[in-house]
Amino acid sequence: LDALEYTGCNVALALRQHNAEAKHTAIEVLRMCMVSGGLKRHPESEKEDVAKALMQGVLKSPMGGFEVEFAYDEGAFEAAHVLIETEADYKEQQKELELRQEEERKREEEER
């Protein structure tokens, strides 16, 4: 899955570089399809895992100058998007909880 994440990132980076060098032939929309999500998929991975890795790679790449559309593939990209959003929400909630706990500890120390 790491290799697929790198693939997504590299595709987006290549498109960004192309657009920077070839203004008259700039590509405005990257339509990303599934890569290695079928017969070549690792037996312990689900199609949604593959889609998530590709999406995360594209999202980690410095974006700019183009839009990304993920092709329909039995709902895998849609499911991956929900997973990514859910994980982001969870991480944000965890950060908020940690901040509150740290503030609580500081207050308790000050009261001592």
PDB file of N, CA and C in Angstrom:
ATOM      1  N   LEU A   1       0.816  -1.197   0.000  1.00  0.00           N
ATOM      2  CA  LEU A   1       0.000   0.000   0.000  1.00  0.00           C
ATOM      3  C   LEU A   1       0.860   1.261   0.000  1.00  0.00           C
ATOM      4  N   ASP A   2       2.029   1.188   0.623  1.00  0.00           N
ATOM      5  CA  ASP A   2       2.937   2.341   0.597  1.00  0.00           C
ATOM      6  C   ASP A   2       3.332   2.690  -0.834  1.00  0.00           C
ATOM      7  N   ALA A   3       3.596   1.666  -1.641  1.00  0.00           N
ATOM      8  CA  ALA A   3       3.984   1.907  -3.035  1.00  0.00           C
ATOM      9  C   ALA A   3       2.851   2.591  -3.797  1.00  0.00           C
ATOM     10  N   LEU A   4       1.617   2.238  -3.481  1.00  0.00           N
ATOM     11  CA  LEU A   4       0.486   2.878  -4.146  1.00  0.00           C
ATOM     12  C   LEU A   4       0.318   4.325  -3.700  1.00  0.00           C
ATOM     13  N   GLU A   5       0.612   4.586  -2.443  1.00  0.00           N
ATOM     14  CA  GLU A   5       0.568   5.972  -1.967  1.00  0.00           C
ATOM     15  C   GLU A   5       1.621   6.809  -2.694  1.00  0.00           C
ATOM     16  N   TYR A   6       2.824   6.251  -2.831  1.00  0.00           N
ATOM     17  CA  TYR A   6       3.877   6.940  -3.587  1.00  0.00           C
ATOM     18  C   TYR A   6       3.459   7.149  -5.037  1.00  0.00           C
ATOM     19  N   THR A   7       2.775   6.178  -5.603  1.00  0.00           N
ATOM     20  CA  THR A   7       2.302   6.292  -6.983  1.00  0.00           C
ATOM     21  C   THR A   7       1.344   7.462  -7.125  1.00  0.00           C
ATOM     22  N   GLY A   8       0.380   7.560  -6.220  1.00  0.00           N
ATOM     23  CA  GLY A   8      -0.563   8.680  -6.261  1.00  0.00           C
ATOM     24  C   GLY A   8       0.142  10.019  -6.152  1.00  0.00           C
ATOM     25  N   CYS A   9       1.094  10.099  -5.248  1.00  0.00           N
ATOM     26  CA  CYS A   9       1.859  11.336  -5.056  1.00  0.00           C
ATOM     27  C   CYS A   9       2.663  11.667  -6.310  1.00  0.00           C
ATOM     28  N   ASN A  10       3.314  10.669  -6.878  1.00  0.00           N
ATOM     29  CA  ASN A  10       4.140  10.897  -8.062  1.00  0.00           C
ATOM     30  C   ASN A  10       3.323  11.302  -9.276  1.00  0.00           C
ATOM     31  N   VAL A  11       2.144  10.739  -9.436  1.00  0.00           N
ATOM     32  CA  VAL A  11       1.274  11.130 -10.554  1.00  0.00           C
ATOM     33  C   VAL A  11       0.922  12.609 -10.426  1.00  0.00           C
ATOM     34  N   ALA A  12       0.529  13.029  -9.230  1.00  0.00           N
ATOM     35  CA  ALA A  12       0.166  14.428  -9.019  1.00  0.00           C
ATOM     36  C   ALA A  12       1.378  15.345  -9.206  1.00  0.00           C
ATOM     37  N   LEU A  13       2.542  14.926  -8.725  1.00  0.00           N
ATOM     38  CA  LEU A  13       3.754  15.734  -8.909  1.00  0.00           C
ATOM     39  C   LEU A  13       4.126  15.856 -10.387  1.00  0.00           C
ATOM     40  N   ALA A  14       4.004  14.765 -11.115  1.00  0.00           N
ATOM     41  CA  ALA A  14       4.322  14.791 -12.546  1.00  0.00           C
ATOM     42  C   ALA A  14       3.384  15.736 -13.287  1.00  0.00           C
ATOM     43  N   LEU A  15       2.118  15.710 -12.937  1.00  0.00           N
ATOM     44  CA  LEU A  15       1.159  16.598 -13.589  1.00  0.00           C
ATOM     45  C   LEU A  15       1.452  18.053 -13.247  1.00  0.00           C
ATOM     46  N   ARG A  16       1.784  18.304 -12.008  1.00  0.00           N
ATOM     47  CA  ARG A  16       2.124  19.672 -11.607  1.00  0.00           C
ATOM     48  C   ARG A  16       3.342  20.169 -12.368  1.00  0.00           C
ATOM     49  N   GLN A  17       4.364  19.330 -12.497  1.00  0.00           N
ATOM     50  CA  GLN A  17       5.564  19.715 -13.236  1.00  0.00           C
ATOM     51  C   GLN A  17       5.228  19.948 -14.713  1.00  0.00           C
ATOM     52  N   HIS A  18       4.419  19.066 -15.288  1.00  0.00           N
ATOM     53  CA  HIS A  18       4.014  19.241 -16.684  1.00  0.00           C
ATOM     54  C   HIS A  18       3.318  20.587 -16.870  1.00  0.00           C
ATOM     55  N   ASN A  19       2.380  20.887 -15.994  1.00  0.00           N
ATOM     56  CA  ASN A  19       1.630  22.138 -16.108  1.00  0.00           C
ATOM     57  C   ASN A  19       2.532  23.357 -15.951  1.00  0.00           C
ATOM     58  N   ALA A  20       3.554  23.257 -15.122  1.00  0.00           N
ATOM     59  CA  ALA A  20       4.473  24.377 -14.925  1.00  0.00           C
ATOM     60  C   ALA A  20       5.336  24.614 -16.167  1.00  0.00           C
ATOM     61  N   GLU A  21       5.667  23.544 -16.875  1.00  0.00           N
ATOM     62  CA  GLU A  21       6.558  23.652 -18.032  1.00  0.00           C
ATOM     63  C   GLU A  21       5.823  23.855 -19.351  1.00  0.00           C
ATOM     64  N   ALA A  22       4.569  23.456 -19.420  1.00  0.00           N
ATOM     65  CA  ALA A  22       3.831  23.480 -20.688  1.00  0.00           C
ATOM     66  C   ALA A  22       2.512  24.207 -20.513  1.00  0.00           C
ATOM     67  N   LYS A  23       2.588  25.502 -20.331  1.00  0.00           N
ATOM     68  CA  LYS A  23       1.389  26.295 -20.041  1.00  0.00           C
ATOM     69  C   LYS A  23       0.303  26.135 -21.108  1.00  0.00           C
ATOM     70  N   HIS A  24       0.685  26.063 -22.381  1.00  0.00           N
ATOM     71  CA  HIS A  24      -0.307  25.983 -23.455  1.00  0.00           C
ATOM     72  C   HIS A  24      -0.982  24.616 -23.547  1.00  0.00           C
ATOM     73  N   THR A  25      -0.406  23.599 -22.921  1.00  0.00           N
ATOM     74  CA  THR A  25      -1.027  22.266 -22.915  1.00  0.00           C
ATOM     75  C   THR A  25      -1.309  21.795 -21.484  1.00  0.00           C
ATOM     76  N   ALA A  26      -1.545  22.753 -20.589  1.00  0.00           N
ATOM     77  CA  ALA A  26      -1.793  22.415 -19.184  1.00  0.00           C
ATOM     78  C   ALA A  26      -3.029  21.525 -19.062  1.00  0.00           C
ATOM     79  N   ILE A  27      -2.944  20.578 -18.165  1.00  0.00           N
ATOM     80  CA  ILE A  27      -4.052  19.668 -17.887  1.00  0.00           C
ATOM     81  C   ILE A  27      -4.782  20.206 -16.664  1.00  0.00           C
ATOM     82  N   GLU A  28      -6.059  20.472 -16.826  1.00  0.00           N
ATOM     83  CA  GLU A  28      -6.832  21.079 -15.747  1.00  0.00           C
ATOM     84  C   GLU A  28      -7.474  20.067 -14.817  1.00  0.00           C
ATOM     85  N   VAL A  29      -7.737  18.855 -15.314  1.00  0.00           N
ATOM     86  CA  VAL A  29      -8.399  17.838 -14.502  1.00  0.00           C
ATOM     87  C   VAL A  29      -7.638  16.521 -14.618  1.00  0.00           C
ATOM     88  N   LEU A  30      -7.196  16.015 -13.480  1.00  0.00           N
ATOM     89  CA  LEU A  30      -6.578  14.685 -13.416  1.00  0.00           C
ATOM     90  C   LEU A  30      -7.690  13.705 -13.075  1.00  0.00           C
ATOM     91  N   ARG A  31      -7.942  12.779 -13.953  1.00  0.00           N
ATOM     92  CA  ARG A  31      -8.931  11.730 -13.682  1.00  0.00           C
ATOM     93  C   ARG A  31      -8.144  10.488 -13.312  1.00  0.00           C
ATOM     94  N   MET A  32      -8.151  10.158 -12.034  1.00  0.00           N
ATOM     95  CA  MET A  32      -7.353   9.052 -11.499  1.00  0.00           C
ATOM     96  C   MET A  32      -8.194   7.789 -11.429  1.00  0.00           C
ATOM     97  N   CYS A  33      -7.686   6.744 -12.034  1.00  0.00           N
ATOM     98  CA  CYS A  33      -8.385   5.463 -11.971  1.00  0.00           C
ATOM     99  C   CYS A  33      -7.677   4.544 -10.975  1.00  0.00           C
ATOM    100  N   MET A  34      -8.286   3.417 -10.718  1.00  0.00           N
ATOM    101  CA  MET A  34      -7.723   2.436  -9.791  1.00  0.00           C
ATOM    102  C   MET A  34      -6.446   1.842 -10.382  1.00  0.00           C
ATOM    103  N   VAL A  35      -5.455   1.671  -9.539  1.00  0.00           N
ATOM    104  CA  VAL A  35      -4.195   1.035  -9.927  1.00  0.00           C
ATOM    105  C   VAL A  35      -3.987  -0.146  -8.991  1.00  0.00           C
ATOM    106  N   SER A  36      -3.822  -1.314  -9.524  1.00  0.00           N
ATOM    107  CA  SER A  36      -3.568  -2.532  -8.737  1.00  0.00           C
ATOM    108  C   SER A  36      -4.681  -2.834  -7.735  1.00  0.00           C
ATOM    109  N   GLY A  37      -5.902  -2.572  -8.123  1.00  0.00           N
ATOM    110  CA  GLY A  37      -7.020  -2.842  -7.232  1.00  0.00           C
ATOM    111  C   GLY A  37      -7.777  -4.111  -7.580  1.00  0.00           C
ATOM    112  N   GLY A  38      -7.365  -4.785  -8.632  1.00  0.00           N
ATOM    113  CA  GLY A  38      -8.083  -5.973  -9.080  1.00  0.00           C
ATOM    114  C   GLY A  38      -7.285  -7.241  -8.842  1.00  0.00           C
ATOM    115  N   LEU A  39      -6.969  -7.922  -9.910  1.00  0.00           N
ATOM    116  CA  LEU A  39      -6.258  -9.205  -9.821  1.00  0.00           C
ATOM    117  C   LEU A  39      -4.867  -9.071  -9.216  1.00  0.00           C
ATOM    118  N   LYS A  40      -4.234  -7.932  -9.394  1.00  0.00           N
ATOM    119  CA  LYS A  40      -2.865  -7.725  -8.891  1.00  0.00           C
ATOM    120  C   LYS A  40      -2.830  -7.196  -7.459  1.00  0.00           C
ATOM    121  N   ARG A  41      -3.985  -7.048  -6.846  1.00  0.00           N
ATOM    122  CA  ARG A  41      -4.065  -6.531  -5.479  1.00  0.00           C
ATOM    123  C   ARG A  41      -3.526  -7.570  -4.500  1.00  0.00           C
ATOM    124  N   HIS A  42      -2.857  -7.108  -3.469  1.00  0.00           N
ATOM    125  CA  HIS A  42      -2.357  -7.988  -2.411  1.00  0.00           C
ATOM    126  C   HIS A  42      -3.547  -8.723  -1.803  1.00  0.00           C
ATOM    127  N   PRO A  43      -3.428 -10.013  -1.559  1.00  0.00           N
ATOM    128  CA  PRO A  43      -4.573 -10.785  -1.065  1.00  0.00           C
ATOM    129  C   PRO A  43      -5.103 -10.327   0.293  1.00  0.00           C
ATOM    130  N   GLU A  44      -4.302  -9.635   1.079  1.00  0.00           N
ATOM    131  CA  GLU A  44      -4.757  -9.153   2.381  1.00  0.00           C
ATOM    132  C   GLU A  44      -5.309  -7.738   2.324  1.00  0.00           C
ATOM    133  N   SER A  45      -5.393  -7.160   1.136  1.00  0.00           N
ATOM    134  CA  SER A  45      -5.899  -5.801   0.970  1.00  0.00           C
ATOM    135  C   SER A  45      -7.255  -5.818   0.285  1.00  0.00           C
ATOM    136  N   GLU A  46      -8.072  -4.873   0.650  1.00  0.00           N
ATOM    137  CA  GLU A  46      -9.357  -4.671  -0.008  1.00  0.00           C
ATOM    138  C   GLU A  46      -9.198  -3.576  -1.053  1.00  0.00           C
ATOM    139  N   LYS A  47     -10.106  -3.535  -1.988  1.00  0.00           N
ATOM    140  CA  LYS A  47     -10.073  -2.509  -3.025  1.00  0.00           C
ATOM    141  C   LYS A  47     -10.115  -1.110  -2.405  1.00  0.00           C
ATOM    142  N   GLU A  48     -10.860  -0.953  -1.320  1.00  0.00           N
ATOM    143  CA  GLU A  48     -10.947   0.339  -0.644  1.00  0.00           C
ATOM    144  C   GLU A  48      -9.598   0.756  -0.063  1.00  0.00           C
ATOM    145  N   ASP A  49      -8.797  -0.218   0.399  1.00  0.00           N
ATOM    146  CA  ASP A  49      -7.459   0.076   0.914  1.00  0.00           C
ATOM    147  C   ASP A  49      -6.576   0.643  -0.189  1.00  0.00           C
ATOM    148  N   VAL A  50      -6.680   0.053  -1.366  1.00  0.00           N
ATOM    149  CA  VAL A  50      -5.899   0.510  -2.517  1.00  0.00           C
ATOM    150  C   VAL A  50      -6.327   1.932  -2.893  1.00  0.00           C
ATOM    151  N   ALA A  51      -7.638   2.156  -2.972  1.00  0.00           N
ATOM    152  CA  ALA A  51      -8.151   3.478  -3.310  1.00  0.00           C
ATOM    153  C   ALA A  51      -7.705   4.516  -2.285  1.00  0.00           C
ATOM    154  N   LYS A  52      -7.752   4.146  -1.007  1.00  0.00           N
ATOM    155  CA  LYS A  52      -7.343   5.063   0.060  1.00  0.00           C
ATOM    156  C   LYS A  52      -5.865   5.426  -0.074  1.00  0.00           C
ATOM    157  N   ALA A  53      -5.018   4.445  -0.353  1.00  0.00           N
ATOM    158  CA  ALA A  53      -3.587   4.710  -0.508  1.00  0.00           C
ATOM    159  C   ALA A  53      -3.337   5.651  -1.686  1.00  0.00           C
ATOM    160  N   LEU A  54      -4.007   5.419  -2.803  1.00  0.00           N
ATOM    161  CA  LEU A  54      -3.849   6.302  -3.964  1.00  0.00           C
ATOM    162  C   LEU A  54      -4.314   7.713  -3.641  1.00  0.00           C
ATOM    163  N   MET A  55      -5.467   7.821  -2.994  1.00  0.00           N
ATOM    164  CA  MET A  55      -6.004   9.146  -2.652  1.00  0.00           C
ATOM    165  C   MET A  55      -5.083   9.881  -1.689  1.00  0.00           C
ATOM    166  N   GLN A  56      -4.578   9.181  -0.689  1.00  0.00           N
ATOM    167  CA  GLN A  56      -3.691   9.825   0.278  1.00  0.00           C
ATOM    168  C   GLN A  56      -2.419  10.313  -0.408  1.00  0.00           C
ATOM    169  N   GLY A  57      -1.916   9.536  -1.353  1.00  0.00           N
ATOM    170  CA  GLY A  57      -0.732   9.966  -2.094  1.00  0.00           C
ATOM    171  C   GLY A  57      -0.985  11.233  -2.882  1.00  0.00           C
ATOM    172  N   VAL A  58      -2.105  11.280  -3.579  1.00  0.00           N
ATOM    173  CA  VAL A  58      -2.449  12.481  -4.349  1.00  0.00           C
ATOM    174  C   VAL A  58      -2.612  13.673  -3.408  1.00  0.00           C
ATOM    175  N   LEU A  59      -3.278  13.453  -2.270  1.00  0.00           N
ATOM    176  CA  LEU A  59      -3.515  14.539  -1.322  1.00  0.00           C
ATOM    177  C   LEU A  59      -2.234  15.030  -0.654  1.00  0.00           C
ATOM    178  N   LYS A  60      -1.242  14.167  -0.505  1.00  0.00           N
ATOM    179  CA  LYS A  60       0.028  14.570   0.108  1.00  0.00           C
ATOM    180  C   LYS A  60       0.902  15.373  -0.844  1.00  0.00           C
ATOM    181  N   SER A  61       0.644  15.251  -2.122  1.00  0.00           N
ATOM    182  CA  SER A  61       1.419  15.978  -3.116  1.00  0.00           C
ATOM    183  C   SER A  61       1.053  17.452  -3.083  1.00  0.00           C
ATOM    184  N   PRO A  62       2.036  18.331  -3.293  1.00  0.00           N
ATOM    185  CA  PRO A  62       1.684  19.750  -3.389  1.00  0.00           C
ATOM    186  C   PRO A  62       0.759  19.964  -4.587  1.00  0.00           C
ATOM    187  N   MET A  63      -0.426  20.437  -4.305  1.00  0.00           N
ATOM    188  CA  MET A  63      -1.417  20.592  -5.357  1.00  0.00           C
ATOM    189  C   MET A  63      -1.352  22.014  -5.912  1.00  0.00           C
ATOM    190  N   GLY A  64      -2.029  22.196  -6.989  1.00  0.00           N
ATOM    191  CA  GLY A  64      -2.126  23.531  -7.554  1.00  0.00           C
ATOM    192  C   GLY A  64      -2.282  23.471  -9.058  1.00  0.00           C
ATOM    193  N   GLY A  65      -3.253  24.193  -9.545  1.00  0.00           N
ATOM    194  CA  GLY A  65      -3.411  24.316 -10.974  1.00  0.00           C
ATOM    195  C   GLY A  65      -4.218  23.223 -11.644  1.00  0.00           C
ATOM    196  N   PHE A  66      -4.696  22.274 -10.888  1.00  0.00           N
ATOM    197  CA  PHE A  66      -5.531  21.233 -11.485  1.00  0.00           C
ATOM    198  C   PHE A  66      -6.468  20.639 -10.442  1.00  0.00           C
ATOM    199  N   GLU A  67      -7.521  20.053 -10.943  1.00  0.00           N
ATOM    200  CA  GLU A  67      -8.528  19.406 -10.115  1.00  0.00           C
ATOM    201  C   GLU A  67      -8.329  17.892 -10.237  1.00  0.00           C
ATOM    202  N   VAL A  68      -8.706  17.152  -9.214  1.00  0.00           N
ATOM    203  CA  VAL A  68      -8.572  15.698  -9.246  1.00  0.00           C
ATOM    204  C   VAL A  68      -9.949  15.062  -9.159  1.00  0.00           C
ATOM    205  N   GLU A  69     -10.223  14.153 -10.069  1.00  0.00           N
ATOM    206  CA  GLU A  69     -11.437  13.349 -10.039  1.00  0.00           C
ATOM    207  C   GLU A  69     -11.010  11.893  -9.959  1.00  0.00           C
ATOM    208  N   PHE A  70     -11.634  11.159  -9.059  1.00  0.00           N
ATOM    209  CA  PHE A  70     -11.347   9.729  -8.951  1.00  0.00           C
ATOM    210  C   PHE A  70     -12.448   8.969  -9.676  1.00  0.00           C
ATOM    211  N   ALA A  71     -12.041   8.079 -10.568  1.00  0.00           N
ATOM    212  CA  ALA A  71     -12.985   7.318 -11.379  1.00  0.00           C
ATOM    213  C   ALA A  71     -13.797   6.365 -10.498  1.00  0.00           C
ATOM    214  N   TYR A  72     -15.016   6.099 -10.932  1.00  0.00           N
ATOM    215  CA  TYR A  72     -15.845   5.159 -10.193  1.00  0.00           C
ATOM    216  C   TYR A  72     -15.289   3.747 -10.368  1.00  0.00           C
ATOM    217  N   ASP A  73     -15.130   3.040  -9.270  1.00  0.00           N
ATOM    218  CA  ASP A  73     -14.672   1.649  -9.316  1.00  0.00           C
ATOM    219  C   ASP A  73     -15.365   0.890  -8.198  1.00  0.00           C
ATOM    220  N   GLU A  74     -16.615   0.545  -8.450  1.00  0.00           N
ATOM    221  CA  GLU A  74     -17.434  -0.208  -7.494  1.00  0.00           C
ATOM    222  C   GLU A  74     -17.522   0.482  -6.135  1.00  0.00           C
ATOM    223  N   GLY A  75     -17.469   1.798  -6.127  1.00  0.00           N
ATOM    224  CA  GLY A  75     -17.600   2.560  -4.888  1.00  0.00           C
ATOM    225  C   GLY A  75     -16.355   2.601  -4.027  1.00  0.00           C
ATOM    226  N   ALA A  76     -15.222   2.098  -4.528  1.00  0.00           N
ATOM    227  CA  ALA A  76     -14.003   2.026  -3.709  1.00  0.00           C
ATOM    228  C   ALA A  76     -13.475   3.406  -3.338  1.00  0.00           C
ATOM    229  N   PHE A  77     -13.444   4.336  -4.295  1.00  0.00           N
ATOM    230  CA  PHE A  77     -12.942   5.670  -3.984  1.00  0.00           C
ATOM    231  C   PHE A  77     -13.890   6.420  -3.055  1.00  0.00           C
ATOM    232  N   GLU A  78     -15.175   6.207  -3.223  1.00  0.00           N
ATOM    233  CA  GLU A  78     -16.137   6.846  -2.333  1.00  0.00           C
ATOM    234  C   GLU A  78     -15.959   6.337  -0.905  1.00  0.00           C
ATOM    235  N   ALA A  79     -15.797   5.031  -0.745  1.00  0.00           N
ATOM    236  CA  ALA A  79     -15.575   4.442   0.577  1.00  0.00           C
ATOM    237  C   ALA A  79     -14.259   4.926   1.177  1.00  0.00           C
ATOM    238  N   ALA A  80     -13.236   5.028   0.337  1.00  0.00           N
ATOM    239  CA  ALA A  80     -11.931   5.500   0.815  1.00  0.00           C
ATOM    240  C   ALA A  80     -12.031   6.949   1.292  1.00  0.00           C
ATOM    241  N   HIS A  81     -12.789   7.755   0.582  1.00  0.00           N
ATOM    242  CA  HIS A  81     -12.968   9.150   0.980  1.00  0.00           C
ATOM    243  C   HIS A  81     -13.609   9.238   2.368  1.00  0.00           C
ATOM    244  N   VAL A  82     -14.609   8.415   2.606  1.00  0.00           N
ATOM    245  CA  VAL A  82     -15.259   8.389   3.917  1.00  0.00           C
ATOM    246  C   VAL A  82     -14.253   7.971   4.990  1.00  0.00           C
ATOM    247  N   LEU A  83     -13.423   6.968   4.703  1.00  0.00           N
ATOM    248  CA  LEU A  83     -12.402   6.531   5.668  1.00  0.00           C
ATOM    249  C   LEU A  83     -11.422   7.654   5.988  1.00  0.00           C
ATOM    250  N   ILE A  84     -10.968   8.340   4.965  1.00  0.00           N
ATOM    251  CA  ILE A  84     -10.005   9.433   5.164  1.00  0.00           C
ATOM    252  C   ILE A  84     -10.626  10.540   5.994  1.00  0.00           C
ATOM    253  N   GLU A  85     -11.857  10.919   5.663  1.00  0.00           N
ATOM    254  CA  GLU A  85     -12.547  11.975   6.420  1.00  0.00           C
ATOM    255  C   GLU A  85     -12.768  11.553   7.867  1.00  0.00           C
ATOM    256  N   THR A  86     -13.166  10.312   8.085  1.00  0.00           N
ATOM    257  CA  THR A  86     -13.405   9.801   9.432  1.00  0.00           C
ATOM    258  C   THR A  86     -12.119   9.806  10.245  1.00  0.00           C
ATOM    259  N   GLU A  87     -11.019   9.366   9.630  1.00  0.00           N
ATOM    260  CA  GLU A  87      -9.728   9.369  10.328  1.00  0.00           C
ATOM    261  C   GLU A  87      -9.291  10.783  10.669  1.00  0.00           C
ATOM    262  N   ALA A  88      -9.506  11.729   9.747  1.00  0.00           N
ATOM    263  CA  ALA A  88      -9.137  13.118  10.003  1.00  0.00           C
ATOM    264  C   ALA A  88      -9.960  13.675  11.164  1.00  0.00           C
ATOM    265  N   ASP A  89     -11.259  13.383  11.185  1.00  0.00           N
ATOM    266  CA  ASP A  89     -12.110  13.830  12.289  1.00  0.00           C
ATOM    267  C   ASP A  89     -11.647  13.226  13.608  1.00  0.00           C
ATOM    268  N   TYR A  90     -11.310  11.940  13.598  1.00  0.00           N
ATOM    269  CA  TYR A  90     -10.858  11.259  14.808  1.00  0.00           C
ATOM    270  C   TYR A  90      -9.557  11.886  15.320  1.00  0.00           C
ATOM    271  N   LYS A  91      -8.626  12.143  14.414  1.00  0.00           N
ATOM    272  CA  LYS A  91      -7.345  12.742  14.819  1.00  0.00           C
ATOM    273  C   LYS A  91      -7.561  14.126  15.416  1.00  0.00           C
ATOM    274  N   GLU A  92      -8.464  14.898  14.833  1.00  0.00           N
ATOM    275  CA  GLU A  92      -8.765  16.225  15.358  1.00  0.00           C
ATOM    276  C   GLU A  92      -9.378  16.120  16.754  1.00  0.00           C
ATOM    277  N   GLN A  93     -10.273  15.180  16.942  1.00  0.00           N
ATOM    278  CA  GLN A  93     -10.887  14.982  18.256  1.00  0.00           C
ATOM    279  C   GLN A  93      -9.849  14.553  19.280  1.00  0.00           C
ATOM    280  N   GLN A  94      -8.912  13.703  18.866  1.00  0.00           N
ATOM    281  CA  GLN A  94      -7.856  13.249  19.774  1.00  0.00           C
ATOM    282  C   GLN A  94      -6.970  14.422  20.186  1.00  0.00           C
ATOM    283  N   LYS A  95      -6.638  15.293  19.250  1.00  0.00           N
ATOM    284  CA  LYS A  95      -5.821  16.465  19.569  1.00  0.00           C
ATOM    285  C   LYS A  95      -6.533  17.365  20.563  1.00  0.00           C
ATOM    286  N   GLU A  96      -7.823  17.593  20.339  1.00  0.00           N
ATOM    287  CA  GLU A  96      -8.599  18.422  21.254  1.00  0.00           C
ATOM    288  C   GLU A  96      -8.647  17.806  22.649  1.00  0.00           C
ATOM    289  N   LEU A  97      -8.833  16.501  22.714  1.00  0.00           N
ATOM    290  CA  LEU A  97      -8.858  15.802  23.998  1.00  0.00           C
ATOM    291  C   LEU A  97      -7.517  15.927  24.711  1.00  0.00           C
ATOM    292  N   GLU A  98      -6.433  15.742  23.993  1.00  0.00           N
ATOM    293  CA  GLU A  98      -5.102  15.858  24.585  1.00  0.00           C
ATOM    294  C   GLU A  98      -4.849  17.263  25.111  1.00  0.00           C
ATOM    295  N   LEU A  99      -5.296  18.277  24.364  1.00  0.00           N
ATOM    296  CA  LEU A  99      -5.134  19.657  24.831  1.00  0.00           C
ATOM    297  C   LEU A  99      -5.917  19.913  26.110  1.00  0.00           C
ATOM    298  N   ARG A 100      -7.156  19.406  26.148  1.00  0.00           N
ATOM    299  CA  ARG A 100      -7.967  19.568  27.357  1.00  0.00           C
ATOM    300  C   ARG A 100      -7.332  18.858  28.547  1.00  0.00           C
ATOM    301  N   GLN A 101      -6.811  17.665  28.322  1.00  0.00           N
ATOM    302  CA  GLN A 101      -6.170  16.916  29.404  1.00  0.00           C
ATOM    303  C   GLN A 101      -4.926  17.648  29.902  1.00  0.00           C
ATOM    304  N   GLU A 102      -4.169  18.215  28.991  1.00  0.00           N
ATOM    305  CA  GLU A 102      -2.971  18.970  29.384  1.00  0.00           C
ATOM    306  C   GLU A 102      -3.360  20.206  30.192  1.00  0.00           C
ATOM    307  N   GLU A 103      -4.396  20.907  29.767  1.00  0.00           N
ATOM    308  CA  GLU A 103      -4.872  22.067  30.524  1.00  0.00           C
ATOM    309  C   GLU A 103      -5.332  21.656  31.913  1.00  0.00           C
ATOM    310  N   GLU A 104      -6.015  20.524  32.016  1.00  0.00           N
ATOM    311  CA  GLU A 104      -6.485  20.005  33.300  1.00  0.00           C
ATOM    312  C   GLU A 104      -5.291  19.697  34.215  1.00  0.00           C
ATOM    313  N   ARG A 105      -4.265  19.063  33.659  1.00  0.00           N
ATOM    314  CA  ARG A 105      -3.064  18.756  34.454  1.00  0.00           C
ATOM    315  C   ARG A 105      -2.390  20.025  34.959  1.00  0.00           C
ATOM    316  N   LYS A 106      -2.299  21.034  34.110  1.00  0.00           N
ATOM    317  CA  LYS A 106      -1.680  22.301  34.515  1.00  0.00           C
ATOM    318  C   LYS A 106      -2.466  22.965  35.637  1.00  0.00           C
ATOM    319  N   ARG A 107      -3.800  22.952  35.513  1.00  0.00           N
ATOM    320  CA  ARG A 107      -4.634  23.526  36.566  1.00  0.00           C
ATOM    321  C   ARG A 107      -4.430  22.794  37.888  1.00  0.00           C
ATOM    322  N   GLU A 108      -4.379  21.470  37.833  1.00  0.00           N
ATOM    323  CA  GLU A 108      -4.179  20.669  39.049  1.00  0.00           C
ATOM    324  C   GLU A 108      -2.824  20.974  39.689  1.00  0.00           C
ATOM    325  N   GLU A 109      -1.788  21.146  38.861  1.00  0.00           N
ATOM    326  CA  GLU A 109      -0.453  21.457  39.387  1.00  0.00           C
ATOM    327  C   GLU A 109      -0.444  22.834  40.028  1.00  0.00           C
ATOM    328  N   GLU A 110      -1.133  23.791  39.426  1.00  0.00           N
ATOM    329  CA  GLU A 110      -1.191  25.139  39.974  1.00  0.00           C
ATOM    330  C   GLU A 110      -1.913  25.163  41.313  1.00  0.00           C
ATOM    331  N   GLU A 111      -2.920  24.285  41.471  1.00  0.00           N
ATOM    332  CA  GLU A 111      -3.679  24.246  42.719  1.00  0.00           C
ATOM    333  C   GLU A 111      -2.880  23.628  43.847  1.00  0.00           C
ATOM    334  N   ARG A 112      -1.867  22.873  43.526  1.00  0.00           N
ATOM    335  CA  ARG A 112      -1.058  22.225  44.571  1.00  0.00           C
ATOM    336  C   ARG A 112      -0.133  23.158  45.201  1.00  0.00           C
TER     337      ARG A 112
END
